[in-house]
Amino acid sequence: MSRTKRSTRAKQPLQNFKTLAIAKIDAAKEAVEAAKDAVIARTGEARSKASEVVSSLEKVFEQRVSGAISRLGVPTAKEVRDLSRQVAQLKASVERLRRARA
């Protein structure tokens, strides 16, 4: 057997090993990419769920604070606006009466 044939035969298993290694590396890269995509998707889902929970907690907190303030007798913003409007109307009425008497 000539030297070039032996050299070619010796290179053949190395070439097969290299091809196999490259294929395994490519498969591993694809698996990593798929895992990364799955993690990103799950992160988005978790973020959305956390946002919903926080929003729900905020609503519960606001309701409880509002109830506590109401039990203490503190008027709501709407009640204060209504009273302010009534005071303004009464002022206008008193002013009209004053002018009518003068």
N, C-alpha and C. Protein backbone atom coordinates (compact mmCIF):
# COMPACT_ATOMS: atom_id res chain seq x y z
N MET A 1 0.82 -1.16 0.00
CA MET A 1 0.00 0.00 0.00
C MET A 1 0.88 1.24 0.00
N SER A 2 0.49 2.19 -0.80
CA SER A 2 1.32 3.38 -0.90
C SER A 2 1.05 4.30 0.29
N ARG A 3 1.98 5.16 0.43
CA ARG A 3 1.92 6.08 1.57
C ARG A 3 0.70 7.01 1.48
N THR A 4 0.31 7.50 0.33
CA THR A 4 -0.83 8.40 0.17
C THR A 4 -2.14 7.69 0.48
N LYS A 5 -2.25 6.42 0.15
CA LYS A 5 -3.47 5.67 0.46
C LYS A 5 -3.60 5.50 1.97
N ARG A 6 -2.45 5.18 2.64
CA ARG A 6 -2.50 5.05 4.09
C ARG A 6 -2.85 6.39 4.74
N SER A 7 -2.30 7.45 4.23
CA SER A 7 -2.56 8.77 4.76
C SER A 7 -4.04 9.14 4.59
N THR A 8 -4.61 8.80 3.45
CA THR A 8 -6.02 9.08 3.18
C THR A 8 -6.90 8.26 4.11
N ARG A 9 -6.51 6.98 4.33
CA ARG A 9 -7.29 6.13 5.23
C ARG A 9 -7.21 6.65 6.67
N ALA A 10 -6.08 7.15 7.06
CA ALA A 10 -5.91 7.67 8.42
C ALA A 10 -6.73 8.95 8.61
N LYS A 11 -6.84 9.74 7.55
CA LYS A 11 -7.59 10.98 7.63
C LYS A 11 -9.10 10.73 7.64
N GLN A 12 -9.53 9.63 7.05
CA GLN A 12 -10.96 9.36 6.95
C GLN A 12 -11.64 9.27 8.32
N PRO A 13 -11.13 8.53 9.31
CA PRO A 13 -11.79 8.50 10.63
C PRO A 13 -11.77 9.88 11.30
N LEU A 14 -10.70 10.63 11.09
CA LEU A 14 -10.65 11.97 11.67
C LEU A 14 -11.71 12.87 11.02
N GLN A 15 -11.88 12.74 9.73
CA GLN A 15 -12.89 13.53 9.03
C GLN A 15 -14.29 13.15 9.52
N ASN A 16 -14.53 11.85 9.70
CA ASN A 16 -15.83 11.40 10.22
C ASN A 16 -16.07 11.94 11.63
N PHE A 17 -15.04 11.92 12.45
CA PHE A 17 -15.14 12.43 13.82
C PHE A 17 -15.43 13.93 13.80
N LYS A 18 -14.75 14.64 12.93
CA LYS A 18 -14.95 16.09 12.82
C LYS A 18 -16.38 16.39 12.38
N THR A 19 -16.87 15.66 11.39
CA THR A 19 -18.23 15.85 10.90
C THR A 19 -19.24 15.56 12.01
N LEU A 20 -19.01 14.48 12.74
CA LEU A 20 -19.89 14.11 13.84
C LEU A 20 -19.86 15.18 14.94
N ALA A 21 -18.68 15.67 15.26
CA ALA A 21 -18.53 16.70 16.30
C ALA A 21 -19.25 17.98 15.89
N ILE A 22 -19.11 18.36 14.63
CA ILE A 22 -19.79 19.57 14.13
C ILE A 22 -21.31 19.40 14.21
N ALA A 23 -21.78 18.21 13.83
CA ALA A 23 -23.22 17.94 13.88
C ALA A 23 -23.72 18.01 15.32
N LYS A 24 -22.96 17.47 16.26
CA LYS A 24 -23.35 17.49 17.68
C LYS A 24 -23.36 18.94 18.19
N ILE A 25 -22.36 19.72 17.81
CA ILE A 25 -22.29 21.11 18.23
C ILE A 25 -23.48 21.89 17.68
N ASP A 26 -23.80 21.66 16.41
CA ASP A 26 -24.96 22.34 15.81
C ASP A 26 -26.26 21.96 16.52
N ALA A 27 -26.40 20.68 16.85
CA ALA A 27 -27.60 20.23 17.57
C ALA A 27 -27.65 20.87 18.95
N ALA A 28 -26.51 20.96 19.60
CA ALA A 28 -26.47 21.60 20.93
C ALA A 28 -26.83 23.08 20.83
N LYS A 29 -26.35 23.76 19.79
CA LYS A 29 -26.69 25.17 19.60
C LYS A 29 -28.20 25.34 19.40
N GLU A 30 -28.79 24.45 18.62
CA GLU A 30 -30.23 24.52 18.39
C GLU A 30 -31.00 24.28 19.69
N ALA A 31 -30.53 23.33 20.48
CA ALA A 31 -31.18 23.04 21.76
C ALA A 31 -31.08 24.23 22.70
N VAL A 32 -29.92 24.86 22.73
CA VAL A 32 -29.74 26.04 23.58
C VAL A 32 -30.65 27.16 23.11
N GLU A 33 -30.74 27.36 21.82
CA GLU A 33 -31.60 28.42 21.27
C GLU A 33 -33.07 28.14 21.60
N ALA A 34 -33.49 26.89 21.49
CA ALA A 34 -34.87 26.53 21.82
C ALA A 34 -35.14 26.76 23.31
N ALA A 35 -34.19 26.39 24.15
CA ALA A 35 -34.34 26.60 25.59
C ALA A 35 -34.41 28.08 25.91
N LYS A 36 -33.58 28.86 25.24
CA LYS A 36 -33.58 30.31 25.45
C LYS A 36 -34.94 30.90 25.07
N ASP A 37 -35.48 30.49 23.93
CA ASP A 37 -36.78 30.98 23.49
C ASP A 37 -37.87 30.59 24.50
N ALA A 38 -37.78 29.37 25.02
CA ALA A 38 -38.77 28.91 26.01
C ALA A 38 -38.68 29.74 27.29
N VAL A 39 -37.47 30.04 27.72
CA VAL A 39 -37.27 30.84 28.93
C VAL A 39 -37.81 32.25 28.72
N ILE A 40 -37.56 32.82 27.57
CA ILE A 40 -38.05 34.18 27.27
C ILE A 40 -39.58 34.19 27.28
N ALA A 41 -40.19 33.17 26.69
CA ALA A 41 -41.65 33.09 26.67
C ALA A 41 -42.20 32.95 28.09
N ARG A 42 -41.59 32.10 28.89
CA ARG A 42 -42.05 31.90 30.26
C ARG A 42 -41.86 33.17 31.09
N THR A 43 -40.78 33.89 30.83
CA THR A 43 -40.53 35.13 31.54
C THR A 43 -41.63 36.14 31.24
N GLY A 44 -42.01 36.22 29.98
CA GLY A 44 -43.10 37.12 29.59
C GLY A 44 -44.40 36.75 30.28
N GLU A 45 -44.69 35.45 30.34
CA GLU A 45 -45.89 34.99 31.02
C GLU A 45 -45.84 35.34 32.50
N ALA A 46 -44.70 35.12 33.12
CA ALA A 46 -44.54 35.41 34.54
C ALA A 46 -44.69 36.91 34.81
N ARG A 47 -44.12 37.72 33.94
CA ARG A 47 -44.22 39.18 34.10
C ARG A 47 -45.68 39.62 34.00
N SER A 48 -46.40 39.06 33.05
CA SER A 48 -47.81 39.40 32.86
C SER A 48 -48.62 38.98 34.08
N LYS A 49 -48.38 37.78 34.57
CA LYS A 49 -49.10 37.28 35.74
C LYS A 49 -48.79 38.15 36.97
N ALA A 50 -47.53 38.50 37.15
CA ALA A 50 -47.14 39.35 38.28
C ALA A 50 -47.83 40.71 38.20
N SER A 51 -47.91 41.25 37.01
CA SER A 51 -48.57 42.54 36.82
C SER A 51 -50.05 42.45 37.20
N GLU A 52 -50.70 41.35 36.81
CA GLU A 52 -52.10 41.15 37.16
C GLU A 52 -52.28 41.05 38.67
N VAL A 53 -51.39 40.32 39.32
CA VAL A 53 -51.48 40.15 40.77
C VAL A 53 -51.28 41.49 41.48
N VAL A 54 -50.29 42.26 41.04
CA VAL A 54 -50.03 43.56 41.66
C VAL A 54 -51.24 44.48 41.47
N SER A 55 -51.81 44.46 40.29
CA SER A 55 -52.99 45.29 40.03
C SER A 55 -54.15 44.88 40.94
N SER A 56 -54.34 43.60 41.10
CA SER A 56 -55.39 43.10 41.98
C SER A 56 -55.14 43.52 43.43
N LEU A 57 -53.90 43.41 43.87
CA LEU A 57 -53.55 43.81 45.23
C LEU A 57 -53.78 45.30 45.43
N GLU A 58 -53.45 46.10 44.43
CA GLU A 58 -53.67 47.55 44.53
C GLU A 58 -55.15 47.86 44.72
N LYS A 59 -56.00 47.16 43.95
CA LYS A 59 -57.44 47.39 44.07
C LYS A 59 -57.94 47.03 45.47
N VAL A 60 -57.50 45.88 45.97
CA VAL A 60 -57.90 45.46 47.31
C VAL A 60 -57.43 46.47 48.35
N PHE A 61 -56.19 46.92 48.22
CA PHE A 61 -55.64 47.91 49.15
C PHE A 61 -56.46 49.20 49.12
N GLU A 62 -56.76 49.69 47.91
CA GLU A 62 -57.53 50.92 47.78
C GLU A 62 -58.92 50.78 48.41
N GLN A 63 -59.55 49.62 48.21
CA GLN A 63 -60.87 49.40 48.79
C GLN A 63 -60.81 49.39 50.31
N ARG A 64 -59.81 48.74 50.85
CA ARG A 64 -59.68 48.67 52.31
C ARG A 64 -59.37 50.03 52.92
N VAL A 65 -58.48 50.78 52.28
CA VAL A 65 -58.15 52.12 52.78
C VAL A 65 -59.39 53.01 52.70
N SER A 66 -60.10 52.92 51.58
CA SER A 66 -61.31 53.73 51.42
C SER A 66 -62.34 53.38 52.49
N GLY A 67 -62.49 52.09 52.77
CA GLY A 67 -63.43 51.67 53.82
C GLY A 67 -63.01 52.19 55.18
N ALA A 68 -61.72 52.12 55.48
CA ALA A 68 -61.21 52.60 56.78
C ALA A 68 -61.42 54.11 56.90
N ILE A 69 -61.15 54.85 55.85
CA ILE A 69 -61.34 56.31 55.88
C ILE A 69 -62.81 56.64 56.05
N SER A 70 -63.66 55.90 55.38
CA SER A 70 -65.10 56.13 55.50
C SER A 70 -65.57 55.86 56.92
N ARG A 71 -65.08 54.79 57.53
CA ARG A 71 -65.48 54.48 58.92
C ARG A 71 -65.00 55.56 59.89
N LEU A 72 -63.92 56.23 59.56
CA LEU A 72 -63.42 57.31 60.41
C LEU A 72 -64.22 58.60 60.22
N GLY A 73 -65.08 58.62 59.20
CA GLY A 73 -65.90 59.79 58.96
C GLY A 73 -65.26 60.83 58.05
N VAL A 74 -64.18 60.50 57.43
CA VAL A 74 -63.52 61.44 56.52
C VAL A 74 -64.29 61.44 55.20
N PRO A 75 -64.69 62.61 54.73
CA PRO A 75 -65.46 62.66 53.48
C PRO A 75 -64.61 62.28 52.27
N THR A 76 -65.29 61.75 51.27
CA THR A 76 -64.59 61.39 50.03
C THR A 76 -64.36 62.64 49.19
N ALA A 77 -63.54 62.51 48.16
CA ALA A 77 -63.27 63.65 47.27
C ALA A 77 -64.56 64.11 46.61
N LYS A 78 -65.42 63.18 46.23
CA LYS A 78 -66.69 63.54 45.60
C LYS A 78 -67.57 64.31 46.57
N GLU A 79 -67.62 63.87 47.81
CA GLU A 79 -68.42 64.57 48.81
C GLU A 79 -67.89 65.99 49.03
N VAL A 80 -66.59 66.16 49.06
CA VAL A 80 -66.00 67.49 49.23
C VAL A 80 -66.35 68.37 48.03
N ARG A 81 -66.27 67.81 46.82
CA ARG A 81 -66.64 68.59 45.62
C ARG A 81 -68.11 69.01 45.68
N ASP A 82 -68.98 68.06 46.07
CA ASP A 82 -70.41 68.38 46.18
C ASP A 82 -70.65 69.49 47.20
N LEU A 83 -70.00 69.38 48.35
CA LEU A 83 -70.15 70.42 49.37
C LEU A 83 -69.61 71.76 48.90
N SER A 84 -68.51 71.75 48.20
CA SER A 84 -67.94 73.00 47.66
C SER A 84 -68.91 73.64 46.68
N ARG A 85 -69.54 72.83 45.86
CA ARG A 85 -70.51 73.35 44.90
C ARG A 85 -71.71 73.96 45.65
N GLN A 86 -72.18 73.28 46.70
CA GLN A 86 -73.30 73.80 47.48
C GLN A 86 -72.94 75.10 48.18
N VAL A 87 -71.73 75.18 48.72
CA VAL A 87 -71.28 76.41 49.38
C VAL A 87 -71.24 77.54 48.36
N ALA A 88 -70.75 77.26 47.17
CA ALA A 88 -70.70 78.30 46.12
C ALA A 88 -72.10 78.76 45.76
N GLN A 89 -73.05 77.82 45.69
CA GLN A 89 -74.44 78.19 45.38
C GLN A 89 -75.03 79.04 46.51
N LEU A 90 -74.76 78.64 47.76
CA LEU A 90 -75.27 79.41 48.90
C LEU A 90 -74.67 80.82 48.93
N LYS A 91 -73.39 80.93 48.62
CA LYS A 91 -72.75 82.25 48.58
C LYS A 91 -73.42 83.13 47.54
N ALA A 92 -73.69 82.53 46.38
CA ALA A 92 -74.34 83.29 45.32
C ALA A 92 -75.74 83.73 45.75
N SER A 93 -76.46 82.85 46.44
CA SER A 93 -77.81 83.20 46.92
C SER A 93 -77.75 84.32 47.95
N VAL A 94 -76.82 84.22 48.90
CA VAL A 94 -76.67 85.27 49.93
C VAL A 94 -76.32 86.59 49.25
N GLU A 95 -75.45 86.55 48.29
CA GLU A 95 -75.06 87.78 47.59
C GLU A 95 -76.23 88.40 46.86
N ARG A 96 -77.07 87.57 46.24
CA ARG A 96 -78.26 88.07 45.55
C ARG A 96 -79.23 88.70 46.57
N LEU A 97 -79.42 88.07 47.72
CA LEU A 97 -80.31 88.60 48.75
C LEU A 97 -79.78 89.94 49.28
N ARG A 98 -78.47 90.04 49.46
CA ARG A 98 -77.86 91.28 49.94
C ARG A 98 -78.12 92.41 48.96
N ARG A 99 -77.92 92.12 47.70
CA ARG A 99 -78.15 93.16 46.69
C ARG A 99 -79.62 93.56 46.62
N ALA A 100 -80.51 92.59 46.81
CA ALA A 100 -81.94 92.87 46.74
C ALA A 100 -82.38 93.76 47.91
N ARG A 101 -81.79 93.62 49.07
CA ARG A 101 -82.13 94.42 50.23
C ARG A 101 -81.50 95.80 50.21
N ALA A 102 -80.43 95.92 49.48
CA ALA A 102 -79.73 97.20 49.49
C ALA A 102 -80.37 98.24 48.63
